[in-house]
Protein backbone atom coordinates (compact mmCIF):
# COMPACT_ATOMS: atom_id res chain seq x y z
CA MET A 1 0.60 0.21 0.06
CA GLU A 2 1.38 3.58 -1.00
CA ALA A 3 1.17 6.23 1.29
CA ASP A 4 0.38 9.86 1.04
CA LEU A 5 2.97 11.39 4.04
CA THR A 6 3.84 14.26 1.88
CA LEU A 7 3.22 18.08 4.80
CA SER A 8 3.69 20.82 2.81
CA SER A 9 4.39 22.15 6.63
CA HIS A 10 7.28 19.13 7.38
CA HIS A 11 11.24 19.74 7.04
CA TYR A 12 12.55 18.14 3.79
CA TYR A 13 16.29 17.37 3.80
CA GLY A 14 17.07 18.02 -0.20
CA ASP A 15 14.93 18.94 -3.17
CA ILE A 16 11.08 18.37 -2.46
CA HIS A 17 10.30 17.25 -5.68
CA ALA A 18 13.66 15.53 -5.97
CA PRO A 19 12.06 11.60 -7.62
CA ILE A 20 13.27 9.83 -4.28
CA GLN A 21 11.14 10.73 -1.83
CA LEU A 22 12.47 9.19 1.76
CA ILE A 23 9.75 9.20 4.72
CA GLU A 24 11.38 8.48 8.35
CA PHE A 25 9.70 8.10 11.50
CA GLY A 26 11.94 8.09 14.15
CA ASP A 27 12.66 8.43 17.70
CA PHE A 28 15.83 10.69 19.05
CA GLU A 29 15.92 8.54 22.05
CA CYS A 30 16.22 5.03 20.35
CA HIS A 31 19.31 3.56 19.50
CA ASP A 32 17.90 1.53 16.16
CA CYS A 33 17.24 5.12 14.56
CA GLY A 34 20.58 5.62 15.91
CA GLU A 35 22.04 3.08 13.76
CA ALA A 36 19.66 4.35 11.10
CA TYR A 37 21.12 8.04 10.81
CA GLU A 38 24.00 7.09 9.79
CA HIS A 39 22.54 5.08 6.66
CA VAL A 40 20.90 8.11 6.26
CA GLN A 41 23.60 10.22 5.98
CA SER A 42 25.42 7.88 4.11
CA LEU A 43 21.91 7.47 1.48
CA LEU A 44 21.99 11.86 1.86
CA ARG A 45 26.07 11.14 0.64
CA GLU A 46 25.50 8.65 -2.12
CA PHE A 47 22.46 9.74 -4.15
CA GLY A 48 23.06 14.09 -3.56
CA GLU A 49 20.03 15.87 -5.78
CA VAL A 50 17.72 12.65 -6.46
CA LEU A 51 16.97 11.79 -2.66
CA CYS A 52 14.89 13.94 -0.25
CA LEU A 53 14.54 12.93 3.56
CA GLN A 54 11.12 14.01 4.98
CA PHE A 55 11.93 13.13 8.70
CA ARG A 56 8.75 12.49 11.06
CA HIS A 57 8.38 11.89 15.02
CA MET A 58 7.05 8.95 16.20
CA PRO A 59 8.21 9.31 20.15
CA LEU A 60 8.01 6.51 21.75
CA ASP A 61 8.22 7.65 25.34
CA GLN A 62 4.57 6.56 25.60
CA LEU A 63 5.18 2.63 25.01
CA TYR A 64 9.41 2.22 26.42
CA PRO A 65 10.00 3.84 29.99
CA MET A 66 14.22 3.27 28.10
CA HIS A 67 13.07 6.62 25.66
CA PRO A 68 12.05 9.38 28.49
CA HIS A 69 13.26 11.59 26.77
CA SER A 70 11.95 10.99 23.11
CA THR A 71 8.61 13.82 22.81
CA LEU A 72 11.00 16.39 24.51
CA ALA A 73 13.65 15.74 22.13
CA ALA A 74 10.73 15.52 19.33
CA GLN A 75 10.20 19.18 20.47
CA ALA A 76 13.36 20.58 20.82
CA ALA A 77 14.00 19.88 16.98
CA GLU A 78 11.01 21.40 15.51
CA ALA A 79 11.83 24.64 18.32
CA ALA A 80 15.05 24.92 16.52
CA GLY A 81 13.40 24.76 13.15
CA ARG A 82 10.61 27.60 14.01
CA GLN A 83 14.69 29.51 13.67
CA GLY A 84 15.55 27.69 10.90
CA MET A 85 17.64 25.38 12.36
CA PHE A 86 15.57 21.67 12.80
CA TRP A 87 18.13 19.63 10.56
CA GLN A 88 21.01 20.95 12.68
CA MET A 89 19.15 19.89 16.09
CA TYR A 90 18.42 16.73 13.98
CA ASP A 91 22.30 15.80 13.91
CA MET A 92 23.20 17.18 17.20
CA LEU A 93 20.05 15.19 18.32
CA PHE A 94 21.03 11.75 17.12
CA THR A 95 24.92 12.58 17.72
CA HIS A 96 24.00 12.35 21.39
CA GLN A 97 21.61 10.25 22.08
CA LEU A 98 22.18 9.00 25.66
CA GLU A 99 22.31 12.74 26.44
CA LEU A 100 18.76 14.25 25.92
CA ALA A 101 17.51 15.80 29.46
CA GLU A 102 15.96 19.03 29.81
CA ASP A 103 19.75 20.88 30.09
CA ASP A 104 21.38 18.88 27.54
CA LEU A 105 19.08 20.55 24.66
CA PHE A 106 19.24 24.19 26.10
CA ALA A 107 22.96 23.13 25.72
CA TYR A 108 22.32 22.73 21.96
CA ALA A 109 20.47 25.12 21.51
CA GLU A 110 23.02 27.60 23.22
CA GLU A 111 25.55 25.94 20.90
CA LEU A 112 23.71 26.08 18.06
CA GLY A 113 23.50 29.87 18.24
CA LEU A 114 20.00 29.80 18.89
CA SER A 115 17.39 32.23 21.49
CA ALA A 116 17.12 31.26 24.21
CA GLU A 117 13.96 31.99 25.31
CA GLN A 118 12.49 31.84 21.64
CA PHE A 119 13.58 28.19 21.96
CA ALA A 120 12.12 28.15 25.94
CA ALA A 121 9.05 29.45 24.62
CA ASP A 122 9.26 27.53 21.25
CA LEU A 123 10.16 24.11 23.00
CA GLU A 124 6.84 24.10 25.21
CA SER A 125 4.10 25.52 22.32
CA ASP A 126 1.34 24.12 21.87
CA GLU A 127 2.25 24.65 18.38
CA VAL A 128 5.26 22.57 18.37
CA ARG A 129 2.88 19.59 20.33
CA ALA A 130 0.63 19.93 17.30
CA ILE A 131 3.58 18.73 15.01
CA VAL A 132 4.84 16.20 17.01
CA ARG A 133 1.25 15.06 18.02
CA ALA A 134 0.20 14.66 13.89
CA ASP A 135 3.31 12.92 12.75
CA VAL A 136 2.32 10.68 15.63
CA LEU A 137 -1.31 10.41 14.70
CA ALA A 138 0.10 10.10 10.36
CA GLY A 139 2.22 7.73 11.36
CA SER A 140 -0.05 5.15 13.58
CA GLU A 141 -2.44 5.80 10.83
CA GLN A 142 0.10 3.48 8.38
CA GLY A 143 0.33 1.81 10.70
CA VAL A 144 3.86 2.49 12.24
CA ILE A 145 4.78 1.44 15.94
CA ALA A 146 8.23 0.77 15.82
CA THR A 147 11.23 3.04 15.57
CA PRO A 148 13.07 3.76 12.77
CA THR A 149 9.91 3.26 9.86
CA PHE A 150 10.86 4.13 6.32
CA PHE A 151 8.42 4.94 3.52
CA LEU A 152 10.03 4.94 -0.47
CA ASN A 153 8.22 7.14 -3.30
CA GLY A 154 5.15 6.52 -0.73
CA GLU A 155 6.05 2.32 -0.01
CA ARG A 156 7.02 1.54 3.29
CA ILE A 157 10.14 -0.59 3.17
CA LYS A 158 10.63 -3.58 5.47
CA ALA A 159 14.49 -3.85 5.77
CA SER A 160 14.62 -0.41 7.12
CA LEU A 161 17.53 -0.67 8.90
CA ASP A 162 19.59 -2.69 6.17
CA TYR A 163 21.89 -0.20 4.19
CA ALA A 164 22.59 -2.10 1.09
CA ALA A 165 18.66 -3.24 1.20
CA LEU A 166 17.63 0.30 0.96
CA LYS A 167 20.24 1.69 -1.61
CA GLU A 168 19.42 -1.19 -3.81
CA ARG A 169 16.10 -0.28 -3.29
CA ILE A 170 16.73 4.12 -4.21
CA THR A 171 19.23 2.58 -6.52
CA GLN A 172 15.43 0.54 -8.38
CA LEU A 173 13.62 3.07 -8.50
CA LEU A 174 16.10 5.40 -9.93
CA ALA A 175 16.07 3.02 -12.85
CA THR A 176 11.99 3.59 -13.49
CA VAL A 177 11.89 7.82 -13.41
């Protein structure tokens, strides 16, 4: 089943009109998402202009007590996004997965040069919380129950942690566009 998960209000890395659209539902505190982060970075380097990444939040703190900071981390990425720094915070959160307490998030915001007052206000704002909730709802509607979950041009990818399989599927799709 193909999923239409594209929303103009979300953050895109790459050309939104690229022939290959990769959507990831992820949790910044999830170990497997941290592993997938490295794979996604490699895919972005390798496929460049033909690949566009959209990251969607699927914090699992409601399901797994070992992810107590995942919703707040998702909100931190969105709060940074309000200052044009979503992808920089995304990188920061994935490279510091074991340090996602509120104090850590404010330190990352400072390191990125964000306005502390705006970051604090946005972190807890209803608008930012609504974005994260909307992603969770969209994922749930598509049957996402674990992270990371990938969709490639609307098709759910079963072997989402298998870099070679992702690369091969992208190559196959490129041959058809």
